[in-house]
Amino acid sequence: AFFTLAGPTINGFAFGNIGLLSTIVRRVQSENRTVPGVNRIYPGVTFIGSSQWPHVNAGLNAGLGQMAAQVDEQKAQIERQRNENGAQARYGHLTSKPFPNGY
């Protein structure tokens, strides 16, 4: 239900600049190689056991790498589809403002 309602808007905005999207995905992948202890951020909440984290994190990073490569490979197709389905007309005029000191 969430994707049906919010997905087109989120993806419409996020995929507006394919080169930047790929850069952001690769940056997340790079910064995710070493993640601080989540248990310090969320004390008393167990997401997965700490012994499982390296395996899960490696899979996540592999998936991010695949996503970035796919975005790079399909840039022209994504841009064409955005033009055809009207997403570029709806969201192409929106600009991003980076957060202070990053993102």
PDB file of N, CA and C in Angstrom:
ATOM      1  N   ALA A   1       0.823  -1.182   0.000  1.00  0.00           N
ATOM      2  CA  ALA A   1       0.000   0.000   0.000  1.00  0.00           C
ATOM      3  C   ALA A   1       0.879   1.263   0.000  1.00  0.00           C
ATOM      4  N   PHE A   2       1.952   1.225   0.803  1.00  0.00           N
ATOM      5  CA  PHE A   2       2.828   2.397   0.852  1.00  0.00           C
ATOM      6  C   PHE A   2       3.420   2.680  -0.522  1.00  0.00           C
ATOM      7  N   PHE A   3       3.933   1.638  -1.182  1.00  0.00           N
ATOM      8  CA  PHE A   3       4.546   1.843  -2.484  1.00  0.00           C
ATOM      9  C   PHE A   3       3.526   2.365  -3.494  1.00  0.00           C
ATOM     10  N   THR A   4       2.316   1.829  -3.447  1.00  0.00           N
ATOM     11  CA  THR A   4       1.280   2.267  -4.378  1.00  0.00           C
ATOM     12  C   THR A   4       0.997   3.753  -4.216  1.00  0.00           C
ATOM     13  N   LEU A   5       0.949   4.217  -2.975  1.00  0.00           N
ATOM     14  CA  LEU A   5       0.630   5.619  -2.722  1.00  0.00           C
ATOM     15  C   LEU A   5       1.840   6.546  -2.851  1.00  0.00           C
ATOM     16  N   ALA A   6       2.964   6.149  -2.269  1.00  0.00           N
ATOM     17  CA  ALA A   6       4.125   7.044  -2.212  1.00  0.00           C
ATOM     18  C   ALA A   6       5.206   6.722  -3.222  1.00  0.00           C
ATOM     19  N   GLY A   7       5.254   5.486  -3.701  1.00  0.00           N
ATOM     20  CA  GLY A   7       6.323   5.064  -4.593  1.00  0.00           C
ATOM     21  C   GLY A   7       6.495   5.921  -5.830  1.00  0.00           C
ATOM     22  N   PRO A   8       5.421   6.201  -6.570  1.00  0.00           N
ATOM     23  CA  PRO A   8       5.598   7.016  -7.779  1.00  0.00           C
ATOM     24  C   PRO A   8       6.169   8.404  -7.484  1.00  0.00           C
ATOM     25  N   THR A   9       5.765   9.011  -6.388  1.00  0.00           N
ATOM     26  CA  THR A   9       6.288  10.339  -6.050  1.00  0.00           C
ATOM     27  C   THR A   9       7.742  10.250  -5.617  1.00  0.00           C
ATOM     28  N   ILE A  10       8.055   9.304  -4.739  1.00  0.00           N
ATOM     29  CA  ILE A  10       9.432   9.159  -4.260  1.00  0.00           C
ATOM     30  C   ILE A  10      10.355   8.823  -5.423  1.00  0.00           C
ATOM     31  N   ASN A  11       9.993   7.822  -6.217  1.00  0.00           N
ATOM     32  CA  ASN A  11      10.828   7.437  -7.349  1.00  0.00           C
ATOM     33  C   ASN A  11      10.849   8.514  -8.420  1.00  0.00           C
ATOM     34  N   GLY A  12       9.743   9.201  -8.602  1.00  0.00           N
ATOM     35  CA  GLY A  12       9.702  10.286  -9.586  1.00  0.00           C
ATOM     36  C   GLY A  12      10.718  11.369  -9.274  1.00  0.00           C
ATOM     37  N   PHE A  13      10.856  11.687  -8.005  1.00  0.00           N
ATOM     38  CA  PHE A  13      11.828  12.693  -7.599  1.00  0.00           C
ATOM     39  C   PHE A  13      13.229  12.109  -7.564  1.00  0.00           C
ATOM     40  N   ALA A  14      13.388  10.933  -6.968  1.00  0.00           N
ATOM     41  CA  ALA A  14      14.712  10.345  -6.751  1.00  0.00           C
ATOM     42  C   ALA A  14      15.424  10.022  -8.057  1.00  0.00           C
ATOM     43  N   PHE A  15      14.688   9.613  -9.066  1.00  0.00           N
ATOM     44  CA  PHE A  15      15.317   9.191 -10.310  1.00  0.00           C
ATOM     45  C   PHE A  15      15.420  10.329 -11.322  1.00  0.00           C
ATOM     46  N   GLY A  16      15.250  11.554 -10.873  1.00  0.00           N
ATOM     47  CA  GLY A  16      15.322  12.696 -11.778  1.00  0.00           C
ATOM     48  C   GLY A  16      16.719  12.960 -12.306  1.00  0.00           C
ATOM     49  N   ASN A  17      17.720  12.684 -11.523  1.00  0.00           N
ATOM     50  CA  ASN A  17      19.103  12.900 -11.935  1.00  0.00           C
ATOM     51  C   ASN A  17      19.826  11.566 -11.776  1.00  0.00           C
ATOM     52  N   ILE A  18      19.885  10.806 -12.852  1.00  0.00           N
ATOM     53  CA  ILE A  18      20.403   9.438 -12.794  1.00  0.00           C
ATOM     54  C   ILE A  18      21.868   9.418 -12.363  1.00  0.00           C
ATOM     55  N   GLY A  19      22.663  10.339 -12.853  1.00  0.00           N
ATOM     56  CA  GLY A  19      24.072  10.390 -12.461  1.00  0.00           C
ATOM     57  C   GLY A  19      24.229  10.639 -10.972  1.00  0.00           C
ATOM     58  N   LEU A  20      23.427  11.538 -10.437  1.00  0.00           N
ATOM     59  CA  LEU A  20      23.495  11.825  -9.012  1.00  0.00           C
ATOM     60  C   LEU A  20      22.974  10.643  -8.204  1.00  0.00           C
ATOM     61  N   LEU A  21      21.938   9.990  -8.687  1.00  0.00           N
ATOM     62  CA  LEU A  21      21.402   8.821  -7.989  1.00  0.00           C
ATOM     63  C   LEU A  21      22.473   7.749  -7.847  1.00  0.00           C
ATOM     64  N   SER A  22      23.165   7.468  -8.917  1.00  0.00           N
ATOM     65  CA  SER A  22      24.230   6.468  -8.883  1.00  0.00           C
ATOM     66  C   SER A  22      25.317   6.874  -7.895  1.00  0.00           C
ATOM     67  N   THR A  23      25.679   8.139  -7.889  1.00  0.00           N
ATOM     68  CA  THR A  23      26.696   8.644  -6.962  1.00  0.00           C
ATOM     69  C   THR A  23      26.248   8.470  -5.515  1.00  0.00           C
ATOM     70  N   ILE A  24      24.986   8.766  -5.235  1.00  0.00           N
ATOM     71  CA  ILE A  24      24.463   8.649  -3.875  1.00  0.00           C
ATOM     72  C   ILE A  24      24.438   7.189  -3.438  1.00  0.00           C
ATOM     73  N   VAL A  25      23.995   6.301  -4.313  1.00  0.00           N
ATOM     74  CA  VAL A  25      23.954   4.875  -3.966  1.00  0.00           C
ATOM     75  C   VAL A  25      25.364   4.369  -3.665  1.00  0.00           C
ATOM     76  N   ARG A  26      26.335   4.765  -4.469  1.00  0.00           N
ATOM     77  CA  ARG A  26      27.718   4.335  -4.227  1.00  0.00           C
ATOM     78  C   ARG A  26      28.280   4.938  -2.927  1.00  0.00           C
ATOM     79  N   ARG A  27      27.866   6.151  -2.604  1.00  0.00           N
ATOM     80  CA  ARG A  27      28.320   6.772  -1.358  1.00  0.00           C
ATOM     81  C   ARG A  27      27.733   6.034  -0.154  1.00  0.00           C
ATOM     82  N   VAL A  28      26.455   5.693  -0.228  1.00  0.00           N
ATOM     83  CA  VAL A  28      25.832   4.916   0.843  1.00  0.00           C
ATOM     84  C   VAL A  28      26.543   3.575   0.983  1.00  0.00           C
ATOM     85  N   GLN A  29      26.833   2.950  -0.142  1.00  0.00           N
ATOM     86  CA  GLN A  29      27.544   1.666  -0.119  1.00  0.00           C
ATOM     87  C   GLN A  29      28.901   1.822   0.572  1.00  0.00           C
ATOM     88  N   SER A  30      29.628   2.856   0.224  1.00  0.00           N
ATOM     89  CA  SER A  30      30.948   3.079   0.803  1.00  0.00           C
ATOM     90  C   SER A  30      30.869   3.345   2.304  1.00  0.00           C
ATOM     91  N   GLU A  31      29.940   4.201   2.697  1.00  0.00           N
ATOM     92  CA  GLU A  31      29.821   4.552   4.107  1.00  0.00           C
ATOM     93  C   GLU A  31      29.249   3.408   4.933  1.00  0.00           C
ATOM     94  N   ASN A  32      28.579   2.469   4.291  1.00  0.00           N
ATOM     95  CA  ASN A  32      27.975   1.343   4.998  1.00  0.00           C
ATOM     96  C   ASN A  32      28.969   0.215   5.250  1.00  0.00           C
ATOM     97  N   ARG A  33      30.165   0.322   4.745  1.00  0.00           N
ATOM     98  CA  ARG A  33      31.144  -0.752   4.948  1.00  0.00           C
ATOM     99  C   ARG A  33      31.440  -0.944   6.437  1.00  0.00           C
ATOM    100  N   THR A  34      31.488   0.141   7.176  1.00  0.00           N
ATOM    101  CA  THR A  34      31.651   0.058   8.628  1.00  0.00           C
ATOM    102  C   THR A  34      30.536   0.880   9.262  1.00  0.00           C
ATOM    103  N   VAL A  35      29.674   0.201   9.956  1.00  0.00           N
ATOM    104  CA  VAL A  35      28.518   0.840  10.576  1.00  0.00           C
ATOM    105  C   VAL A  35      28.700   0.790  12.084  1.00  0.00           C
ATOM    106  N   PRO A  36      28.449   1.913  12.750  1.00  0.00           N
ATOM    107  CA  PRO A  36      28.573   1.886  14.208  1.00  0.00           C
ATOM    108  C   PRO A  36      27.530   0.952  14.812  1.00  0.00           C
ATOM    109  N   GLY A  37      27.729   0.589  16.043  1.00  0.00           N
ATOM    110  CA  GLY A  37      26.815  -0.329  16.719  1.00  0.00           C
ATOM    111  C   GLY A  37      25.400   0.217  16.787  1.00  0.00           C
ATOM    112  N   VAL A  38      24.492  -0.453  16.116  1.00  0.00           N
ATOM    113  CA  VAL A  38      23.097  -0.030  16.108  1.00  0.00           C
ATOM    114  C   VAL A  38      22.499  -0.151  17.502  1.00  0.00           C
ATOM    115  N   ASN A  39      23.017  -1.074  18.294  1.00  0.00           N
ATOM    116  CA  ASN A  39      22.482  -1.246  19.639  1.00  0.00           C
ATOM    117  C   ASN A  39      22.731  -0.031  20.524  1.00  0.00           C
ATOM    118  N   ARG A  40      23.700   0.807  20.192  1.00  0.00           N
ATOM    119  CA  ARG A  40      23.900   2.054  20.946  1.00  0.00           C
ATOM    120  C   ARG A  40      22.863   3.091  20.558  1.00  0.00           C
ATOM    121  N   ILE A  41      22.422   3.038  19.299  1.00  0.00           N
ATOM    122  CA  ILE A  41      21.413   3.982  18.837  1.00  0.00           C
ATOM    123  C   ILE A  41      20.024   3.573  19.329  1.00  0.00           C
ATOM    124  N   TYR A  42      19.774   2.270  19.320  1.00  0.00           N
ATOM    125  CA  TYR A  42      18.485   1.719  19.737  1.00  0.00           C
ATOM    126  C   TYR A  42      18.706   0.719  20.876  1.00  0.00           C
ATOM    127  N   PRO A  43      18.997   1.205  22.072  1.00  0.00           N
ATOM    128  CA  PRO A  43      19.256   0.276  23.174  1.00  0.00           C
ATOM    129  C   PRO A  43      18.002  -0.546  23.493  1.00  0.00           C
ATOM    130  N   GLY A  44      18.227  -1.817  23.777  1.00  0.00           N
ATOM    131  CA  GLY A  44      17.124  -2.684  24.138  1.00  0.00           C
ATOM    132  C   GLY A  44      16.350  -3.250  22.963  1.00  0.00           C
ATOM    133  N   VAL A  45      16.732  -2.896  21.733  1.00  0.00           N
ATOM    134  CA  VAL A  45      16.056  -3.408  20.547  1.00  0.00           C
ATOM    135  C   VAL A  45      17.038  -4.289  19.794  1.00  0.00           C
ATOM    136  N   THR A  46      16.641  -5.490  19.479  1.00  0.00           N
ATOM    137  CA  THR A  46      17.496  -6.405  18.746  1.00  0.00           C
ATOM    138  C   THR A  46      16.939  -6.600  17.351  1.00  0.00           C
ATOM    139  N   PHE A  47      17.680  -6.143  16.382  1.00  0.00           N
ATOM    140  CA  PHE A  47      17.286  -6.335  14.994  1.00  0.00           C
ATOM    141  C   PHE A  47      17.739  -7.706  14.519  1.00  0.00           C
ATOM    142  N   ILE A  48      19.010  -7.948  14.603  1.00  0.00           N
ATOM    143  CA  ILE A  48      19.608  -9.259  14.342  1.00  0.00           C
ATOM    144  C   ILE A  48      20.787  -9.395  15.291  1.00  0.00           C
ATOM    145  N   GLY A  49      21.213 -10.608  15.517  1.00  0.00           N
ATOM    146  CA  GLY A  49      22.359 -10.818  16.383  1.00  0.00           C
ATOM    147  C   GLY A  49      23.615 -10.197  15.798  1.00  0.00           C
ATOM    148  N   SER A  50      24.488  -9.708  16.647  1.00  0.00           N
ATOM    149  CA  SER A  50      25.703  -9.045  16.175  1.00  0.00           C
ATOM    150  C   SER A  50      26.579  -9.975  15.349  1.00  0.00           C
ATOM    151  N   SER A  51      26.500 -11.265  15.587  1.00  0.00           N
ATOM    152  CA  SER A  51      27.306 -12.203  14.800  1.00  0.00           C
ATOM    153  C   SER A  51      26.788 -12.332  13.363  1.00  0.00           C
ATOM    154  N   GLN A  52      25.531 -11.994  13.133  1.00  0.00           N
ATOM    155  CA  GLN A  52      24.942 -12.060  11.794  1.00  0.00           C
ATOM    156  C   GLN A  52      25.206 -10.797  10.975  1.00  0.00           C
ATOM    157  N   TRP A  53      25.549  -9.713  11.644  1.00  0.00           N
ATOM    158  CA  TRP A  53      25.654  -8.431  10.959  1.00  0.00           C
ATOM    159  C   TRP A  53      26.645  -8.429   9.782  1.00  0.00           C
ATOM    160  N   PRO A  54      27.848  -8.973   9.914  1.00  0.00           N
ATOM    161  CA  PRO A  54      28.775  -8.926   8.772  1.00  0.00           C
ATOM    162  C   PRO A  54      28.194  -9.579   7.513  1.00  0.00           C
ATOM    163  N   HIS A  55      27.533 -10.712   7.661  1.00  0.00           N
ATOM    164  CA  HIS A  55      26.949 -11.403   6.506  1.00  0.00           C
ATOM    165  C   HIS A  55      25.806 -10.578   5.894  1.00  0.00           C
ATOM    166  N   VAL A  56      24.928 -10.083   6.739  1.00  0.00           N
ATOM    167  CA  VAL A  56      23.794  -9.277   6.249  1.00  0.00           C
ATOM    168  C   VAL A  56      24.303  -7.999   5.597  1.00  0.00           C
ATOM    169  N   ASN A  57      25.270  -7.352   6.206  1.00  0.00           N
ATOM    170  CA  ASN A  57      25.811  -6.102   5.676  1.00  0.00           C
ATOM    171  C   ASN A  57      26.515  -6.329   4.338  1.00  0.00           C
ATOM    172  N   ALA A  58      27.234  -7.437   4.216  1.00  0.00           N
ATOM    173  CA  ALA A  58      27.899  -7.751   2.947  1.00  0.00           C
ATOM    174  C   ALA A  58      26.862  -7.935   1.836  1.00  0.00           C
ATOM    175  N   GLY A  59      25.755  -8.591   2.151  1.00  0.00           N
ATOM    176  CA  GLY A  59      24.686  -8.760   1.161  1.00  0.00           C
ATOM    177  C   GLY A  59      24.050  -7.442   0.779  1.00  0.00           C
ATOM    178  N   LEU A  60      23.839  -6.587   1.759  1.00  0.00           N
ATOM    179  CA  LEU A  60      23.280  -5.265   1.493  1.00  0.00           C
ATOM    180  C   LEU A  60      24.203  -4.461   0.588  1.00  0.00           C
ATOM    181  N   ASN A  61      25.491  -4.471   0.897  1.00  0.00           N
ATOM    182  CA  ASN A  61      26.444  -3.717   0.084  1.00  0.00           C
ATOM    183  C   ASN A  61      26.555  -4.278  -1.330  1.00  0.00           C
ATOM    184  N   ALA A  62      26.463  -5.588  -1.473  1.00  0.00           N
ATOM    185  CA  ALA A  62      26.476  -6.180  -2.812  1.00  0.00           C
ATOM    186  C   ALA A  62      25.256  -5.715  -3.599  1.00  0.00           C
ATOM    187  N   GLY A  63      24.106  -5.683  -2.945  1.00  0.00           N
ATOM    188  CA  GLY A  63      22.888  -5.214  -3.601  1.00  0.00           C
ATOM    189  C   GLY A  63      22.972  -3.749  -4.002  1.00  0.00           C
ATOM    190  N   LEU A  64      23.577  -2.922  -3.159  1.00  0.00           N
ATOM    191  CA  LEU A  64      23.744  -1.511  -3.503  1.00  0.00           C
ATOM    192  C   LEU A  64      24.665  -1.356  -4.721  1.00  0.00           C
ATOM    193  N   GLY A  65      25.712  -2.158  -4.774  1.00  0.00           N
ATOM    194  CA  GLY A  65      26.607  -2.124  -5.930  1.00  0.00           C
ATOM    195  C   GLY A  65      25.885  -2.527  -7.205  1.00  0.00           C
ATOM    196  N   GLN A  66      25.055  -3.562  -7.106  1.00  0.00           N
ATOM    197  CA  GLN A  66      24.277  -4.001  -8.272  1.00  0.00           C
ATOM    198  C   GLN A  66      23.295  -2.921  -8.705  1.00  0.00           C
ATOM    199  N   MET A  67      22.665  -2.263  -7.736  1.00  0.00           N
ATOM    200  CA  MET A  67      21.718  -1.198  -8.073  1.00  0.00           C
ATOM    201  C   MET A  67      22.424  -0.049  -8.790  1.00  0.00           C
ATOM    202  N   ALA A  68      23.566   0.377  -8.266  1.00  0.00           N
ATOM    203  CA  ALA A  68      24.307   1.473  -8.890  1.00  0.00           C
ATOM    204  C   ALA A  68      24.730   1.103 -10.305  1.00  0.00           C
ATOM    205  N   ALA A  69      25.193  -0.117 -10.494  1.00  0.00           N
ATOM    206  CA  ALA A  69      25.604  -0.562 -11.834  1.00  0.00           C
ATOM    207  C   ALA A  69      24.408  -0.603 -12.779  1.00  0.00           C
ATOM    208  N   GLN A  70      23.276  -1.073 -12.278  1.00  0.00           N
ATOM    209  CA  GLN A  70      22.074  -1.142 -13.107  1.00  0.00           C
ATOM    210  C   GLN A  70      21.609   0.261 -13.503  1.00  0.00           C
ATOM    211  N   VAL A  71      21.655   1.191 -12.573  1.00  0.00           N
ATOM    212  CA  VAL A  71      21.278   2.575 -12.875  1.00  0.00           C
ATOM    213  C   VAL A  71      22.206   3.145 -13.940  1.00  0.00           C
ATOM    214  N   ASP A  72      23.508   2.893 -13.802  1.00  0.00           N
ATOM    215  CA  ASP A  72      24.464   3.378 -14.800  1.00  0.00           C
ATOM    216  C   ASP A  72      24.191   2.771 -16.174  1.00  0.00           C
ATOM    217  N   GLU A  73      23.940   1.464 -16.195  1.00  0.00           N
ATOM    218  CA  GLU A  73      23.725   0.762 -17.465  1.00  0.00           C
ATOM    219  C   GLU A  73      22.421   1.159 -18.144  1.00  0.00           C
ATOM    220  N   GLN A  74      21.410   1.488 -17.362  1.00  0.00           N
ATOM    221  CA  GLN A  74      20.086   1.757 -17.920  1.00  0.00           C
ATOM    222  C   GLN A  74      19.713   3.229 -17.903  1.00  0.00           C
ATOM    223  N   LYS A  75      20.709   4.093 -17.803  1.00  0.00           N
ATOM    224  CA  LYS A  75      20.445   5.537 -17.702  1.00  0.00           C
ATOM    225  C   LYS A  75      19.561   6.039 -18.840  1.00  0.00           C
ATOM    226  N   ALA A  76      19.908   5.720 -20.065  1.00  0.00           N
ATOM    227  CA  ALA A  76      19.131   6.214 -21.213  1.00  0.00           C
ATOM    228  C   ALA A  76      17.706   5.665 -21.191  1.00  0.00           C
ATOM    229  N   GLN A  77      17.569   4.398 -20.841  1.00  0.00           N
ATOM    230  CA  GLN A  77      16.240   3.781 -20.786  1.00  0.00           C
ATOM    231  C   GLN A  77      15.386   4.420 -19.686  1.00  0.00           C
ATOM    232  N   ILE A  78      15.971   4.661 -18.523  1.00  0.00           N
ATOM    233  CA  ILE A  78      15.241   5.292 -17.416  1.00  0.00           C
ATOM    234  C   ILE A  78      14.801   6.693 -17.819  1.00  0.00           C
ATOM    235  N   GLU A  79      15.696   7.445 -18.429  1.00  0.00           N
ATOM    236  CA  GLU A  79      15.354   8.801 -18.858  1.00  0.00           C
ATOM    237  C   GLU A  79      14.242   8.775 -19.904  1.00  0.00           C
ATOM    238  N   ARG A  80      14.304   7.833 -20.837  1.00  0.00           N
ATOM    239  CA  ARG A  80      13.261   7.718 -21.867  1.00  0.00           C
ATOM    240  C   ARG A  80      11.913   7.375 -21.228  1.00  0.00           C
ATOM    241  N   GLN A  81      11.913   6.432 -20.298  1.00  0.00           N
ATOM    242  CA  GLN A  81      10.672   6.055 -19.629  1.00  0.00           C
ATOM    243  C   GLN A  81      10.092   7.213 -18.834  1.00  0.00           C
ATOM    244  N   ARG A  82      10.946   7.994 -18.192  1.00  0.00           N
ATOM    245  CA  ARG A  82      10.470   9.164 -17.435  1.00  0.00           C
ATOM    246  C   ARG A  82       9.786  10.156 -18.360  1.00  0.00           C
ATOM    247  N   ASN A  83      10.341  10.344 -19.537  1.00  0.00           N
ATOM    248  CA  ASN A  83       9.715  11.260 -20.494  1.00  0.00           C
ATOM    249  C   ASN A  83       8.385  10.710 -20.990  1.00  0.00           C
ATOM    250  N   GLU A  84       8.356   9.411 -21.263  1.00  0.00           N
ATOM    251  CA  GLU A  84       7.142   8.781 -21.781  1.00  0.00           C
ATOM    252  C   GLU A  84       6.006   8.750 -20.761  1.00  0.00           C
ATOM    253  N   ASN A  85       6.326   8.486 -19.491  1.00  0.00           N
ATOM    254  CA  ASN A  85       5.254   8.361 -18.497  1.00  0.00           C
ATOM    255  C   ASN A  85       4.927   9.671 -17.783  1.00  0.00           C
ATOM    256  N   GLY A  86       5.592  10.751 -18.154  1.00  0.00           N
ATOM    257  CA  GLY A  86       5.288  12.066 -17.602  1.00  0.00           C
ATOM    258  C   GLY A  86       6.007  12.407 -16.316  1.00  0.00           C
ATOM    259  N   ALA A  87       6.827  11.505 -15.794  1.00  0.00           N
ATOM    260  CA  ALA A  87       7.525  11.780 -14.538  1.00  0.00           C
ATOM    261  C   ALA A  87       8.479  12.962 -14.675  1.00  0.00           C
ATOM    262  N   GLN A  88       9.150  13.071 -15.804  1.00  0.00           N
ATOM    263  CA  GLN A  88      10.083  14.180 -15.987  1.00  0.00           C
ATOM    264  C   GLN A  88       9.341  15.515 -15.992  1.00  0.00           C
ATOM    265  N   ALA A  89       8.174  15.537 -16.625  1.00  0.00           N
ATOM    266  CA  ALA A  89       7.385  16.772 -16.654  1.00  0.00           C
ATOM    267  C   ALA A  89       6.897  17.146 -15.246  1.00  0.00           C
ATOM    268  N   ARG A  90       6.519  16.139 -14.442  1.00  0.00           N
ATOM    269  CA  ARG A  90       6.016  16.403 -13.092  1.00  0.00           C
ATOM    270  C   ARG A  90       7.118  16.759 -12.099  1.00  0.00           C
ATOM    271  N   TYR A  91       8.267  16.098 -12.211  1.00  0.00           N
ATOM    272  CA  TYR A  91       9.291  16.242 -11.176  1.00  0.00           C
ATOM    273  C   TYR A  91      10.604  16.846 -11.656  1.00  0.00           C
ATOM    274  N   GLY A  92      10.781  17.008 -12.947  1.00  0.00           N
ATOM    275  CA  GLY A  92      12.048  17.479 -13.493  1.00  0.00           C
ATOM    276  C   GLY A  92      12.444  18.873 -13.057  1.00  0.00           C
ATOM    277  N   HIS A  93      11.482  19.681 -12.681  1.00  0.00           N
ATOM    278  CA  HIS A  93      11.780  21.057 -12.276  1.00  0.00           C
ATOM    279  C   HIS A  93      12.214  21.168 -10.809  1.00  0.00           C
ATOM    280  N   LEU A  94      12.036  20.097 -10.035  1.00  0.00           N
ATOM    281  CA  LEU A  94      12.410  20.127  -8.622  1.00  0.00           C
ATOM    282  C   LEU A  94      13.927  20.036  -8.485  1.00  0.00           C
ATOM    283  N   THR A  95      14.463  20.764  -7.554  1.00  0.00           N
ATOM    284  CA  THR A  95      15.908  20.746  -7.350  1.00  0.00           C
ATOM    285  C   THR A  95      16.218  20.208  -5.962  1.00  0.00           C
ATOM    286  N   SER A  96      17.390  19.649  -5.830  1.00  0.00           N
ATOM    287  CA  SER A  96      17.836  19.120  -4.542  1.00  0.00           C
ATOM    288  C   SER A  96      18.665  20.172  -3.830  1.00  0.00           C
ATOM    289  N   LYS A  97      18.572  20.168  -2.531  1.00  0.00           N
ATOM    290  CA  LYS A  97      19.406  21.027  -1.708  1.00  0.00           C
ATOM    291  C   LYS A  97      20.147  20.131  -0.736  1.00  0.00           C
ATOM    292  N   PRO A  98      21.470  20.071  -0.842  1.00  0.00           N
ATOM    293  CA  PRO A  98      22.216  19.190   0.055  1.00  0.00           C
ATOM    294  C   PRO A  98      22.128  19.683   1.501  1.00  0.00           C
ATOM    295  N   PHE A  99      22.171  18.722   2.416  1.00  0.00           N
ATOM    296  CA  PHE A  99      22.220  19.069   3.822  1.00  0.00           C
ATOM    297  C   PHE A  99      23.553  19.721   4.122  1.00  0.00           C
ATOM    298  N   PRO A 100      23.615  20.557   5.135  1.00  0.00           N
ATOM    299  CA  PRO A 100      24.913  21.121   5.529  1.00  0.00           C
ATOM    300  C   PRO A 100      25.891  19.994   5.857  1.00  0.00           C
ATOM    301  N   ASN A 101      27.114  20.159   5.474  1.00  0.00           N
ATOM    302  CA  ASN A 101      28.177  19.198   5.743  1.00  0.00           C
ATOM    303  C   ASN A 101      27.937  17.843   5.090  1.00  0.00           C
ATOM    304  N   GLY A 102      27.273  17.795   3.982  1.00  0.00           N
ATOM    305  CA  GLY A 102      27.073  16.527   3.307  1.00  0.00           C
ATOM    306  C   GLY A 102      25.699  16.395   2.740  1.00  0.00           C
ATOM    307  N   TYR A 103      25.319  15.199   2.434  1.00  0.00           N
ATOM    308  CA  TYR A 103      24.055  14.824   1.819  1.00  0.00           C
ATOM    309  C   TYR A 103      23.247  16.031   1.442  1.00  0.00           C
TER     310      TYR A 103
END
